[in-house]
């Protein structure tokens, strides 16, 4: 059983991003959801990992951030708009 651990490539910037939410399905698979996707169509809900460059990245300082990072979501597009614009 997966026990809620990410498998596959390391998440890159998503590992420390303020906008990321950890999503676990009933079977125990874990995904990283980009919170920016809810308000900005340039971002995928579930970007391919690892994310090495992202125009929406903000480092999560951990100070005062008590929100639960679990949730639900879907998929979006096949192009990775999280990469820096113009690169």
C-alpha atoms as a PDB file:
ATOM      1  CA  UNK A   1       0.000   0.000   0.000  1.00  0.00           C
ATOM      2  CA  UNK A   2       1.180   3.519  -0.793  1.00  0.00           C
ATOM      3  CA  UNK A   3       0.480   4.931   2.701  1.00  0.00           C
ATOM      4  CA  UNK A   4       0.048   8.485   1.404  1.00  0.00           C
ATOM      5  CA  UNK A   5       3.553   8.977   0.098  1.00  0.00           C
ATOM      6  CA  UNK A   6       4.432  10.586  -3.207  1.00  0.00           C
ATOM      7  CA  UNK A   7       5.999   8.177  -5.646  1.00  0.00           C
ATOM      8  CA  UNK A   8       7.782   9.096  -8.826  1.00  0.00           C
ATOM      9  CA  UNK A   9       9.882  12.177  -9.474  1.00  0.00           C
ATOM     10  CA  UNK A  10      10.575  14.731  -6.735  1.00  0.00           C
ATOM     11  CA  UNK A  11       8.097  17.642  -6.801  1.00  0.00           C
ATOM     12  CA  UNK A  12      10.683  20.379  -7.353  1.00  0.00           C
ATOM     13  CA  UNK A  13       9.352  23.843  -6.472  1.00  0.00           C
ATOM     14  CA  UNK A  14       5.957  22.429  -5.484  1.00  0.00           C
ATOM     15  CA  UNK A  15       7.554  20.908  -2.366  1.00  0.00           C
ATOM     16  CA  UNK A  16       7.954  24.377  -0.819  1.00  0.00           C
ATOM     17  CA  UNK A  17       5.249  26.410  -2.598  1.00  0.00           C
ATOM     18  CA  UNK A  18       2.609  28.339  -0.688  1.00  0.00           C
ATOM     19  CA  UNK A  19      -0.041  27.413  -3.275  1.00  0.00           C
ATOM     20  CA  UNK A  20       0.367  23.624  -3.218  1.00  0.00           C
ATOM     21  CA  UNK A  21      -2.183  21.277  -1.654  1.00  0.00           C
ATOM     22  CA  UNK A  22      -1.527  17.609  -1.041  1.00  0.00           C
ATOM     23  CA  UNK A  23      -4.415  15.481  -2.334  1.00  0.00           C
ATOM     24  CA  UNK A  24      -4.835  11.810  -1.429  1.00  0.00           C
ATOM     25  CA  UNK A  25      -7.422   9.607  -3.124  1.00  0.00           C
ATOM     26  CA  UNK A  26      -9.241   6.625  -1.599  1.00  0.00           C
ATOM     27  CA  UNK A  27      -6.630   4.231  -2.947  1.00  0.00           C
ATOM     28  CA  UNK A  28      -3.808   6.081  -1.185  1.00  0.00           C
ATOM     29  CA  UNK A  29      -2.270   7.773  -4.227  1.00  0.00           C
ATOM     30  CA  UNK A  30      -0.971  11.263  -3.481  1.00  0.00           C
ATOM     31  CA  UNK A  31      -1.034  14.212  -5.903  1.00  0.00           C
ATOM     32  CA  UNK A  32       0.029  17.846  -5.618  1.00  0.00           C
ATOM     33  CA  UNK A  33      -2.688  20.341  -6.544  1.00  0.00           C
ATOM     34  CA  UNK A  34      -1.754  23.878  -7.572  1.00  0.00           C
ATOM     35  CA  UNK A  35      -4.043  26.350  -5.815  1.00  0.00           C
ATOM     36  CA  UNK A  36      -3.235  29.002  -8.432  1.00  0.00           C
ATOM     37  CA  UNK A  37      -5.181  26.933 -11.006  1.00  0.00           C
ATOM     38  CA  UNK A  38      -8.462  27.858  -9.304  1.00  0.00           C
ATOM     39  CA  UNK A  39      -8.084  31.530 -10.251  1.00  0.00           C
ATOM     40  CA  UNK A  40      -5.566  31.623 -13.099  1.00  0.00           C
ATOM     41  CA  UNK A  41      -6.046  29.468 -16.222  1.00  0.00           C
ATOM     42  CA  UNK A  42      -2.303  29.599 -16.992  1.00  0.00           C
ATOM     43  CA  UNK A  43      -1.704  27.055 -14.230  1.00  0.00           C
ATOM     44  CA  UNK A  44      -2.510  23.344 -14.273  1.00  0.00           C
ATOM     45  CA  UNK A  45      -4.311  21.823 -11.318  1.00  0.00           C
ATOM     46  CA  UNK A  46      -1.871  18.902 -11.320  1.00  0.00           C
ATOM     47  CA  UNK A  47       1.395  19.946 -13.029  1.00  0.00           C
ATOM     48  CA  UNK A  48       3.837  17.313 -14.264  1.00  0.00           C
ATOM     49  CA  UNK A  49       6.646  16.861 -11.777  1.00  0.00           C
ATOM     50  CA  UNK A  50       9.265  18.009 -11.137  1.00  0.00           C
ATOM     51  CA  UNK A  51       8.375  21.684 -11.524  1.00  0.00           C
ATOM     52  CA  UNK A  52      11.713  23.459 -12.019  1.00  0.00           C
ATOM     53  CA  UNK A  53      10.428  26.935 -12.964  1.00  0.00           C
ATOM     54  CA  UNK A  54       7.089  28.531 -12.121  1.00  0.00           C
ATOM     55  CA  UNK A  55       5.774  32.067 -12.590  1.00  0.00           C
ATOM     56  CA  UNK A  56       3.371  31.584  -9.669  1.00  0.00           C
ATOM     57  CA  UNK A  57       5.816  30.131  -7.141  1.00  0.00           C
ATOM     58  CA  UNK A  58       5.824  31.673  -3.666  1.00  0.00           C
ATOM     59  CA  UNK A  59       7.909  30.052  -0.945  1.00  0.00           C
ATOM     60  CA  UNK A  60       5.782  28.880   1.979  1.00  0.00           C
ATOM     61  CA  UNK A  61       7.340  30.381   5.079  1.00  0.00           C
ATOM     62  CA  UNK A  62       5.143  28.233   7.324  1.00  0.00           C
ATOM     63  CA  UNK A  63       4.355  31.255   9.487  1.00  0.00           C
ATOM     64  CA  UNK A  64       0.630  31.603  10.136  1.00  0.00           C
ATOM     65  CA  UNK A  65      -0.268  29.097   7.433  1.00  0.00           C
ATOM     66  CA  UNK A  66      -2.614  26.649   9.145  1.00  0.00           C
ATOM     67  CA  UNK A  67      -4.732  25.632   6.161  1.00  0.00           C
ATOM     68  CA  UNK A  68      -5.202  21.950   5.473  1.00  0.00           C
ATOM     69  CA  UNK A  69      -3.389  20.951   2.286  1.00  0.00           C
ATOM     70  CA  UNK A  70      -5.721  18.065   1.473  1.00  0.00           C
ATOM     71  CA  UNK A  71      -8.540  18.450  -1.034  1.00  0.00           C
ATOM     72  CA  UNK A  72     -10.035  17.269  -4.310  1.00  0.00           C
ATOM     73  CA  UNK A  73      -9.676  18.364  -7.904  1.00  0.00           C
ATOM     74  CA  UNK A  74      -9.406  17.375 -11.559  1.00  0.00           C
ATOM     75  CA  UNK A  75      -6.985  17.716 -14.430  1.00  0.00           C
ATOM     76  CA  UNK A  76      -6.363  20.525 -16.852  1.00  0.00           C
ATOM     77  CA  UNK A  77      -4.767  20.720 -20.296  1.00  0.00           C
ATOM     78  CA  UNK A  78      -1.542  19.148 -21.467  1.00  0.00           C
ATOM     79  CA  UNK A  79       0.756  22.175 -21.732  1.00  0.00           C
ATOM     80  CA  UNK A  80       2.634  23.270 -18.610  1.00  0.00           C
ATOM     81  CA  UNK A  81       1.872  26.983 -18.106  1.00  0.00           C
ATOM     82  CA  UNK A  82       3.628  26.971 -14.737  1.00  0.00           C
ATOM     83  CA  UNK A  83       6.955  27.268 -16.487  1.00  0.00           C
ATOM     84  CA  UNK A  84       8.296  30.791 -16.637  1.00  0.00           C
ATOM     85  CA  UNK A  85       6.568  32.861 -19.297  1.00  0.00           C
ATOM     86  CA  UNK A  86       8.876  33.471 -22.245  1.00  0.00           C
ATOM     87  CA  UNK A  87      11.301  30.648 -21.456  1.00  0.00           C
END
